[in-house]
Amino acid sequence: MAMGEGNRARWLIIAALMLWGALALLLSGCDLPSPLPPSVTRVPTNTPTAPRPTPLPTEGTPPSPSVITLTIWTTDVFSPTQVITSGRLVIQQVTAFQESHPQVRLRFIRKKPYGKGGILDYLLTTGAVVPDLLPDLVTIDGDELGTAVQMGLVQPLDALLPPDLIADLYPFASEAGTFDGHLYGLLFQADLDHTVYDTRKLSSPPATWSDVLSASLPYLLPAGSQAGLVHDSFLTQYLAVSQWSGDGSGEPFLDQESLIEVLRFYRDGVTAGIFPPKMLEYHSTDQTWRDFLAGQGALAQVSAHRYLVERNRAPDSAPAAIPSRDGPAAPIGRGWAWALVTSDPTRQSLAVDWMVQWMDPEWNAAWNGTTGYLPTRQSALAMSEEIDDSRSFIHQQLLTAQPRPRLPNYARVAAALQKAVEAVITGTITPEEAAAQAIEEAQ
């Protein structure tokens, strides 16, 4: 009897399990609404919903097949974002561009400005492995543009840009973007070094080395290395006294007598106490500007960018050209450029439209005024309200500016020059010995 009741119980359990399985199978085959969590309620279908915000033109949902997507590799500063002021300006430009080009979507991919994972690094590696993944357009430091040109990664712009835009560029901006007679980079933002002087200590700025030495006032000059290479401050002085033309004729860059002259100026300034003992600790003009603000110098070499952004911190100061042997030196200009990567005619045309819009004088003036850099178009400088009080000076600096020398062995030359500068400043060897040694090591 007990055995019969046990069997009956087991069969009841088996039957219940089979019924539950059948019910589960039935439910899984039906399109039933899944239960909502207790905290979520359904919105009635007749309830109006708020309009969705327009997404920023960055990576996201793929566009419809009829839309052309232009891919742009750039850095945070030149990307559309609400986080920084420059990013908000780019959003305005993107909005305006897409209103006039409704069939185009701009896709910004942000990368580091330099080094591993930077713009140039990605261009080189992607171009060598999967060229189909290259962008249509990039922003790139003008000093790195030459490598991209040499590797065939960017396209010439001469026949694509409006002639009046090219003619309006400051000479150094045009030269910095030109290789083998063709314009490959459209510089849109510039910077350079000049001096700033304390108007309470100097009635007028020194124009020559003799003026600097006779004034006997501290001159904060950067002489520290930049990643082992000589600072632009020395190159500016050397180019001011040498006869090097940079015309590609193959003439030697280093001239011994010119090199000796500049090294003697450095030695004389150190000996007279005009250049501070820690000038080799100045690796950037931001450091000389810091000490100038602290009252440690009557004259200092600074970047135009830093001075434009922070000049209100030094109300008793004024900008001036860099003094050299015979008068004001031509500064070394630098900046960022647009470079065209795509070879597709349709995409090229659209990319050029974007570049032309970006280079509109009024916009270029607003952009550089907001970011504290210098415009590369002369018509844009005329509209730059932020530099009204120094427009004539900035114009003259941009007119005379020159790109950094293009040398096949630039790193070796710059390293040898830095070694010579350090040896002379520390008194290890004479300017004559240092010049001879630098020329030998640079070969």
Protein backbone atom coordinates (compact mmCIF):
# COMPACT_ATOMS: atom_id res chain seq x y z
CA MET A 1 0.00 0.00 0.00
CA ALA A 2 2.77 2.44 0.94
CA MET A 3 4.58 1.50 -2.30
CA GLY A 4 1.45 2.36 -4.37
CA GLU A 5 1.15 5.76 -2.74
CA GLY A 6 4.83 6.48 -3.45
CA ASN A 7 4.42 5.62 -7.14
CA ARG A 8 1.36 7.80 -7.36
CA ALA A 9 3.28 10.74 -5.83
CA ARG A 10 6.13 10.34 -8.27
CA TRP A 11 3.77 10.30 -11.25
CA LEU A 12 2.04 13.43 -10.01
CA ILE A 13 5.38 15.23 -9.81
CA ILE A 14 6.34 14.09 -13.33
CA ALA A 15 2.98 15.22 -14.71
CA ALA A 16 3.35 18.64 -13.07
CA LEU A 17 6.81 19.09 -14.57
CA MET A 18 5.58 18.13 -18.06
CA LEU A 19 2.67 20.59 -17.77
CA TRP A 20 5.05 23.40 -16.68
CA GLY A 21 7.40 22.66 -19.58
CA ALA A 22 4.55 22.75 -22.09
CA LEU A 23 3.33 26.04 -20.69
CA ALA A 24 6.85 27.53 -20.89
CA LEU A 25 7.21 26.36 -24.49
CA LEU A 26 3.86 27.92 -25.38
CA LEU A 27 4.80 31.24 -23.83
CA SER A 28 8.19 31.33 -25.55
CA GLY A 29 6.57 30.97 -28.94
CA CYS A 30 4.24 33.93 -28.41
CA ASP A 31 5.07 37.57 -28.97
CA LEU A 32 4.05 38.65 -25.50
CA PRO A 33 5.21 41.89 -23.92
CA SER A 34 7.91 41.37 -21.34
CA PRO A 35 7.02 42.56 -17.85
CA LEU A 36 8.34 45.99 -16.90
CA PRO A 37 10.29 46.56 -13.72
CA PRO A 38 8.15 48.06 -10.95
CA SER A 39 9.85 51.45 -11.31
CA VAL A 40 9.11 51.80 -15.04
CA THR A 41 5.75 52.77 -16.48
CA ARG A 42 4.71 52.85 -20.08
CA VAL A 43 4.18 56.21 -21.74
CA PRO A 44 0.76 56.46 -23.44
CA THR A 45 1.08 56.56 -27.20
CA ASN A 46 -0.82 59.87 -27.36
CA THR A 47 1.61 61.62 -25.00
CA PRO A 48 3.83 64.11 -26.88
CA THR A 49 7.55 63.54 -26.45
CA ALA A 50 10.28 66.16 -26.30
CA PRO A 51 12.28 66.62 -29.51
CA ARG A 52 15.55 64.75 -29.57
CA PRO A 53 18.69 66.94 -29.51
CA THR A 54 20.75 66.92 -32.67
CA PRO A 55 23.79 64.70 -32.00
CA LEU A 56 27.25 66.16 -32.38
CA PRO A 57 28.90 65.21 -35.69
CA THR A 58 31.26 62.63 -34.25
CA GLU A 59 31.44 58.86 -34.35
CA GLY A 60 27.98 57.34 -33.91
CA THR A 61 25.09 55.81 -35.80
CA PRO A 62 26.02 55.11 -39.43
CA PRO A 63 24.35 57.56 -41.84
CA SER A 64 22.01 56.52 -44.61
CA PRO A 65 23.68 55.30 -47.81
CA SER A 66 22.89 58.58 -49.61
CA VAL A 67 24.99 60.59 -47.15
CA ILE A 68 28.69 61.13 -47.82
CA THR A 69 30.78 60.86 -44.67
CA LEU A 70 34.01 62.85 -44.59
CA THR A 71 36.38 61.46 -41.98
CA ILE A 72 38.68 63.94 -40.27
CA TRP A 73 41.54 62.98 -37.98
CA THR A 74 42.29 65.76 -35.56
CA THR A 75 43.05 66.57 -31.93
CA ASP A 76 40.79 67.61 -29.07
CA VAL A 77 41.42 71.30 -29.70
CA PHE A 78 40.09 71.12 -33.26
CA SER A 79 37.14 68.79 -32.55
CA PRO A 80 33.48 69.71 -32.01
CA THR A 81 32.78 69.52 -28.29
CA GLN A 82 31.00 71.53 -25.63
CA VAL A 83 33.83 70.96 -23.15
CA ILE A 84 36.22 73.67 -24.38
CA THR A 85 35.63 77.04 -26.04
CA SER A 86 37.45 76.12 -29.23
CA GLY A 87 35.30 72.99 -29.50
CA ARG A 88 32.12 75.04 -29.27
CA LEU A 89 33.40 77.21 -32.11
CA VAL A 90 33.98 74.11 -34.21
CA ILE A 91 30.40 73.00 -33.56
CA GLN A 92 29.22 76.26 -35.12
CA GLN A 93 31.37 75.63 -38.16
CA VAL A 94 30.13 72.06 -38.51
CA THR A 95 26.53 73.20 -38.26
CA ALA A 96 27.03 75.85 -40.92
CA PHE A 97 28.83 73.43 -43.21
CA GLN A 98 26.18 70.74 -42.97
CA GLU A 99 23.43 73.28 -43.60
CA SER A 100 25.09 74.19 -46.89
CA HIS A 101 26.02 70.55 -47.59
CA PRO A 102 23.02 68.51 -46.37
CA GLN A 103 24.31 65.38 -48.10
CA VAL A 104 27.56 65.45 -46.10
CA ARG A 105 28.33 64.30 -42.60
CA LEU A 106 31.61 65.20 -40.89
CA ARG A 107 33.06 62.45 -38.74
CA PHE A 108 35.80 63.60 -36.37
CA ILE A 109 38.20 61.03 -34.96
CA ARG A 110 40.39 62.45 -32.21
CA LYS A 111 44.03 61.46 -31.84
CA LYS A 112 47.05 62.67 -29.93
CA PRO A 113 48.87 65.60 -31.52
CA TYR A 114 52.32 63.95 -31.40
CA GLY A 115 54.24 60.75 -30.78
CA LYS A 116 52.95 57.20 -30.55
CA GLY A 117 49.25 57.24 -31.39
CA GLY A 118 49.53 60.75 -32.78
CA ILE A 119 48.29 62.12 -36.11
CA LEU A 120 51.51 61.47 -38.07
CA ASP A 121 52.09 58.08 -36.43
CA TYR A 122 48.61 56.89 -37.43
CA LEU A 123 49.00 58.23 -40.95
CA LEU A 124 52.23 56.30 -41.41
CA THR A 125 51.05 53.03 -39.91
CA THR A 126 47.59 53.05 -41.48
CA GLY A 127 48.93 54.09 -44.86
CA ALA A 128 51.39 51.22 -44.82
CA VAL A 129 48.99 48.50 -43.63
CA VAL A 130 45.37 49.42 -44.49
CA PRO A 131 45.33 52.53 -46.70
CA ASP A 132 41.56 52.19 -47.20
CA LEU A 133 41.14 53.25 -43.57
CA LEU A 134 42.94 56.56 -44.04
CA PRO A 135 40.85 59.69 -43.42
CA ASP A 136 39.81 62.28 -45.97
CA LEU A 137 41.38 65.18 -44.11
CA VAL A 138 43.75 65.76 -41.19
CA THR A 139 45.04 68.55 -39.02
CA ILE A 140 48.79 68.28 -38.58
CA ASP A 141 51.66 70.27 -37.08
CA GLY A 142 53.47 72.08 -39.88
CA ASP A 143 56.79 70.66 -38.69
CA GLU A 144 55.50 67.11 -39.30
CA LEU A 145 53.85 67.81 -42.63
CA GLY A 146 57.04 67.14 -44.60
CA THR A 147 57.14 63.50 -43.51
CA ALA A 148 53.56 62.96 -44.66
CA VAL A 149 54.41 64.56 -48.01
CA GLN A 150 57.54 62.46 -48.41
CA MET A 151 55.57 59.26 -47.78
CA GLY A 152 52.93 60.22 -50.35
CA LEU A 153 50.13 60.38 -47.79
CA VAL A 154 48.73 63.82 -48.62
CA GLN A 155 47.59 65.51 -51.82
CA PRO A 156 48.66 68.85 -53.38
CA LEU A 157 46.24 71.72 -52.94
CA ASP A 158 47.43 74.20 -55.58
CA ALA A 159 44.74 73.50 -58.16
CA LEU A 160 41.98 73.00 -55.58
CA LEU A 161 42.11 76.10 -53.38
CA PRO A 162 40.94 79.53 -54.53
CA PRO A 163 43.95 81.53 -55.79
CA ASP A 164 42.96 84.58 -53.74
CA LEU A 165 43.11 82.51 -50.53
CA ILE A 166 46.63 81.28 -51.32
CA ALA A 167 47.76 84.80 -52.24
CA ASP A 168 46.41 86.11 -48.92
CA LEU A 169 48.54 83.78 -46.81
CA TYR A 170 51.50 85.26 -44.99
CA PRO A 171 54.71 84.25 -46.79
CA PHE A 172 55.96 81.95 -44.04
CA ALA A 173 52.60 80.11 -43.92
CA SER A 174 52.71 79.52 -47.65
CA GLU A 175 56.35 78.44 -47.53
CA ALA A 176 55.78 76.11 -44.56
CA GLY A 177 53.08 74.25 -46.48
CA THR A 178 54.98 74.07 -49.78
CA PHE A 179 57.16 71.13 -50.84
CA ASP A 180 58.79 70.69 -54.24
CA GLY A 181 56.87 73.69 -55.54
CA HIS A 182 53.43 72.44 -54.49
CA LEU A 183 51.24 73.50 -51.58
CA TYR A 184 50.39 70.47 -49.44
CA GLY A 185 49.42 72.10 -46.16
CA LEU A 186 47.06 74.98 -45.47
CA LEU A 187 48.27 76.60 -42.25
CA PHE A 188 45.33 78.04 -40.33
CA GLN A 189 46.91 78.83 -36.96
CA ALA A 190 50.33 80.30 -36.25
CA ASP A 191 52.70 81.12 -33.43
CA LEU A 192 56.19 82.64 -33.17
CA ASP A 193 58.57 84.03 -30.58
CA HIS A 194 59.27 87.67 -29.88
CA THR A 195 60.56 89.58 -26.89
CA VAL A 196 58.65 91.42 -24.23
CA TYR A 197 60.23 94.22 -22.21
CA ASP A 198 59.45 95.97 -18.95
CA THR A 199 58.56 99.57 -19.83
CA ARG A 200 59.51 100.70 -16.34
CA LYS A 201 63.10 99.56 -16.86
CA LEU A 202 63.56 100.20 -20.57
CA SER A 203 62.29 103.24 -22.45
CA SER A 204 62.71 101.35 -25.71
CA PRO A 205 63.60 97.75 -26.52
CA PRO A 206 67.14 96.80 -27.63
CA ALA A 207 67.38 96.12 -31.37
CA THR A 208 70.92 94.72 -31.57
CA TRP A 209 73.32 92.61 -29.54
CA SER A 210 75.27 95.77 -28.72
CA ASP A 211 72.10 97.31 -27.30
CA VAL A 212 71.50 94.24 -25.16
CA LEU A 213 75.03 94.19 -23.77
CA SER A 214 75.22 97.93 -23.15
CA ALA A 215 71.87 98.01 -21.33
CA SER A 216 73.27 95.60 -18.71
CA LEU A 217 69.77 94.44 -17.73
CA PRO A 218 68.69 90.81 -17.31
CA TYR A 219 67.58 89.17 -20.57
CA LEU A 220 65.70 85.90 -20.04
CA LEU A 221 66.70 83.81 -23.04
CA PRO A 222 65.82 80.10 -23.34
CA ALA A 223 68.90 77.96 -23.98
CA GLY A 224 67.79 74.59 -22.62
CA SER A 225 67.36 71.72 -25.03
CA GLN A 226 64.07 70.64 -26.54
CA ALA A 227 64.24 66.85 -26.47
CA GLY A 228 68.01 67.12 -26.93
CA LEU A 229 67.76 69.64 -29.80
CA VAL A 230 68.70 73.30 -29.85
CA HIS A 231 65.99 75.84 -29.04
CA ASP A 232 64.49 78.08 -31.73
CA SER A 233 66.02 81.08 -29.95
CA PHE A 234 69.49 80.02 -31.08
CA LEU A 235 68.35 79.14 -34.62
CA THR A 236 66.76 82.58 -34.91
CA GLN A 237 70.04 84.26 -34.02
CA TYR A 238 72.07 82.02 -36.31
CA LEU A 239 69.79 82.57 -39.31
CA ALA A 240 70.00 86.31 -38.72
CA VAL A 241 73.80 86.36 -39.20
CA SER A 242 74.39 83.51 -41.65
CA GLN A 243 74.06 83.69 -45.42
CA TRP A 244 72.18 80.40 -45.69
CA SER A 245 69.39 80.80 -48.23
CA GLY A 246 67.55 77.52 -47.83
CA ASP A 247 66.88 77.38 -51.57
CA GLY A 248 67.72 73.70 -51.84
CA SER A 249 70.99 74.33 -53.67
CA GLY A 250 72.84 72.02 -51.31
CA GLU A 251 74.90 74.72 -49.63
CA PRO A 252 76.09 73.76 -46.12
CA PHE A 253 73.80 74.96 -43.38
CA LEU A 254 76.50 75.56 -40.79
CA ASP A 255 78.99 78.35 -41.44
CA GLN A 256 81.80 78.42 -38.91
CA GLU A 257 82.26 82.19 -38.67
CA SER A 258 78.52 82.83 -38.26
CA LEU A 259 78.31 80.14 -35.63
CA ILE A 260 81.23 81.62 -33.72
CA GLU A 261 79.55 85.05 -33.69
CA VAL A 262 76.35 83.74 -32.10
CA LEU A 263 78.23 81.65 -29.55
CA ARG A 264 80.33 84.68 -28.60
CA PHE A 265 77.15 86.67 -27.97
CA TYR A 266 75.95 83.94 -25.64
CA ARG A 267 79.32 83.88 -23.86
CA ASP A 268 79.46 87.66 -23.53
CA GLY A 269 75.92 87.78 -22.16
CA VAL A 270 76.72 85.16 -19.55
CA THR A 271 80.00 86.84 -18.59
CA ALA A 272 78.28 90.20 -18.15
CA GLY A 273 75.54 88.68 -16.01
CA ILE A 274 72.86 89.63 -18.55
CA PHE A 275 71.84 86.05 -19.25
CA PRO A 276 70.87 84.32 -15.99
CA PRO A 277 72.88 81.33 -14.77
CA LYS A 278 69.79 79.12 -15.16
CA MET A 279 69.26 79.91 -18.85
CA LEU A 280 70.03 76.27 -19.61
CA GLU A 281 67.04 75.39 -17.42
CA TYR A 282 64.75 77.38 -19.70
CA HIS A 283 63.51 74.69 -22.08
CA SER A 284 60.53 76.71 -23.25
CA THR A 285 59.42 80.31 -23.48
CA ASP A 286 56.68 79.56 -20.95
CA GLN A 287 59.46 79.35 -18.36
CA THR A 288 61.03 82.66 -19.35
CA TRP A 289 57.59 84.28 -19.29
CA ARG A 290 57.01 82.92 -15.78
CA ASP A 291 60.22 84.49 -14.49
CA PHE A 292 59.52 87.73 -16.34
CA LEU A 293 56.18 87.97 -14.53
CA ALA A 294 58.10 87.39 -11.29
CA GLY A 295 60.22 90.46 -12.03
CA GLN A 296 63.44 88.57 -12.74
CA GLY A 297 64.13 90.18 -16.11
CA ALA A 298 63.82 93.45 -17.99
CA LEU A 299 63.62 91.60 -21.30
CA ALA A 300 62.46 88.07 -22.12
CA GLN A 301 61.85 85.94 -25.15
CA VAL A 302 58.27 84.65 -25.13
CA SER A 303 55.77 83.10 -27.52
CA ALA A 304 53.18 85.33 -29.14
CA HIS A 305 50.53 82.88 -27.98
CA ARG A 306 51.49 83.09 -24.31
CA TYR A 307 51.74 86.87 -24.41
CA LEU A 308 48.36 87.29 -26.12
CA VAL A 309 46.67 85.06 -23.57
CA GLU A 310 48.31 86.48 -20.44
CA ARG A 311 49.48 90.01 -21.27
CA ASN A 312 47.00 91.45 -18.77
CA ARG A 313 49.25 89.95 -16.08
CA ALA A 314 52.05 92.29 -17.16
CA PRO A 315 50.45 95.72 -17.66
CA ASP A 316 53.86 97.44 -17.68
CA SER A 317 55.14 95.44 -20.65
CA ALA A 318 55.26 95.76 -24.41
CA PRO A 319 56.20 93.37 -27.25
CA ALA A 320 59.27 93.84 -29.42
CA ALA A 321 61.24 92.03 -32.10
CA ILE A 322 64.11 89.72 -31.16
CA PRO A 323 67.41 91.65 -31.23
CA SER A 324 70.20 90.23 -33.39
CA ARG A 325 73.63 91.37 -34.56
CA ASP A 326 72.41 93.92 -37.09
CA GLY A 327 68.86 94.63 -35.95
CA PRO A 328 65.51 92.88 -35.45
CA ALA A 329 65.67 89.19 -36.33
CA ALA A 330 63.12 87.33 -38.41
CA PRO A 331 61.27 84.95 -36.05
CA ILE A 332 60.71 81.27 -36.74
CA GLY A 333 57.03 80.70 -37.46
CA ARG A 334 55.18 77.51 -36.65
CA GLY A 335 51.59 76.35 -36.74
CA TRP A 336 48.93 73.77 -37.57
CA ALA A 337 47.68 72.98 -41.05
CA TRP A 338 44.90 71.23 -42.89
CA ALA A 339 46.18 68.47 -45.18
CA LEU A 340 44.15 66.58 -47.78
CA VAL A 341 44.49 62.80 -47.75
CA THR A 342 41.75 61.51 -50.04
CA SER A 343 42.39 61.24 -53.78
CA ASP A 344 38.70 60.84 -54.64
CA PRO A 345 37.61 63.95 -56.66
CA THR A 346 34.16 64.21 -55.03
CA ARG A 347 35.56 63.93 -51.52
CA GLN A 348 38.39 66.32 -52.36
CA SER A 349 35.89 68.95 -53.48
CA LEU A 350 33.89 68.63 -50.26
CA ALA A 351 37.02 68.65 -48.10
CA VAL A 352 38.24 71.80 -49.83
CA ASP A 353 34.86 73.44 -49.20
CA TRP A 354 35.37 72.72 -45.50
CA MET A 355 38.89 74.18 -45.54
CA VAL A 356 37.76 77.30 -47.39
CA GLN A 357 34.94 77.84 -44.91
CA TRP A 358 37.39 77.41 -42.01
CA MET A 359 39.76 79.93 -43.62
CA ASP A 360 37.07 82.59 -44.04
CA PRO A 361 38.82 85.77 -42.77
CA GLU A 362 36.16 86.64 -40.23
CA TRP A 363 36.01 83.10 -38.86
CA ASN A 364 39.82 82.70 -38.91
CA ALA A 365 40.13 85.93 -36.96
CA ALA A 366 37.52 84.81 -34.41
CA TRP A 367 39.10 81.38 -34.03
CA ASN A 368 42.62 82.64 -33.45
CA GLY A 369 41.39 85.48 -31.28
CA THR A 370 39.59 83.03 -29.01
CA THR A 371 42.43 80.52 -28.84
CA GLY A 372 45.17 83.13 -28.52
CA TYR A 373 47.06 82.27 -31.70
CA LEU A 374 47.89 84.24 -34.83
CA PRO A 375 45.94 84.09 -38.10
CA THR A 376 47.71 83.02 -41.25
CA ARG A 377 45.69 85.20 -43.64
CA GLN A 378 46.50 88.89 -43.85
CA SER A 379 42.83 89.75 -44.26
CA ALA A 380 42.06 87.80 -41.08
CA LEU A 381 44.61 89.78 -39.06
CA ALA A 382 42.87 92.97 -40.17
CA MET A 383 39.69 91.66 -38.48
CA SER A 384 41.33 90.45 -35.26
CA GLU A 385 39.88 92.63 -32.54
CA GLU A 386 41.88 90.94 -29.77
CA ILE A 387 45.17 92.36 -31.06
CA ASP A 388 44.07 95.88 -31.99
CA ASP A 389 46.80 97.41 -29.82
CA SER A 390 49.61 95.38 -31.43
CA ARG A 391 48.26 94.73 -34.93
CA SER A 392 51.07 96.58 -36.71
CA PHE A 393 53.73 94.74 -34.71
CA ILE A 394 52.16 91.30 -35.27
CA HIS A 395 51.70 92.04 -38.97
CA GLN A 396 55.39 92.88 -39.31
CA GLN A 397 56.41 89.76 -37.40
CA LEU A 398 54.26 87.54 -39.61
CA LEU A 399 55.56 89.22 -42.75
CA THR A 400 59.18 88.52 -41.84
CA ALA A 401 58.69 85.12 -40.19
CA GLN A 402 60.40 82.07 -41.65
CA PRO A 403 59.81 78.33 -41.23
CA ARG A 404 62.24 76.19 -39.28
CA PRO A 405 65.14 75.14 -41.57
CA ARG A 406 64.47 72.01 -43.60
CA LEU A 407 67.54 69.85 -43.37
CA PRO A 408 67.77 66.12 -44.17
CA ASN A 409 69.89 65.69 -41.04
CA TYR A 410 68.11 68.28 -38.91
CA ALA A 411 68.12 66.22 -35.71
CA ARG A 412 71.89 65.65 -35.93
CA VAL A 413 72.57 69.34 -36.63
CA ALA A 414 70.26 70.56 -33.86
CA ALA A 415 71.79 68.14 -31.36
CA ALA A 416 75.32 69.27 -32.24
CA LEU A 417 74.30 72.93 -31.87
CA GLN A 418 72.77 72.31 -28.47
CA LYS A 419 75.94 70.64 -27.30
CA ALA A 420 77.93 73.69 -28.47
CA VAL A 421 75.55 76.09 -26.68
CA GLU A 422 75.84 74.17 -23.42
CA ALA A 423 79.64 73.99 -23.64
CA VAL A 424 79.99 77.74 -24.18
CA ILE A 425 77.50 78.76 -21.50
CA THR A 426 79.18 76.54 -18.91
CA GLY A 427 82.64 77.77 -19.99
CA THR A 428 83.86 74.29 -20.92
CA ILE A 429 85.32 75.40 -24.26
CA THR A 430 85.62 78.59 -26.30
CA PRO A 431 83.10 79.65 -28.97
CA GLU A 432 85.71 78.88 -31.63
CA GLU A 433 86.25 75.36 -30.35
CA ALA A 434 82.55 74.75 -29.90
CA ALA A 435 81.76 75.91 -33.45
CA ALA A 436 84.40 73.63 -34.99
CA GLN A 437 83.19 70.70 -32.92
CA ALA A 438 79.53 71.29 -33.87
CA ILE A 439 80.31 71.36 -37.59
CA GLU A 440 82.26 68.14 -37.32
CA GLU A 441 79.53 66.36 -35.35
CA ALA A 442 76.76 67.59 -37.65
CA GLN A 443 78.26 66.00 -40.77
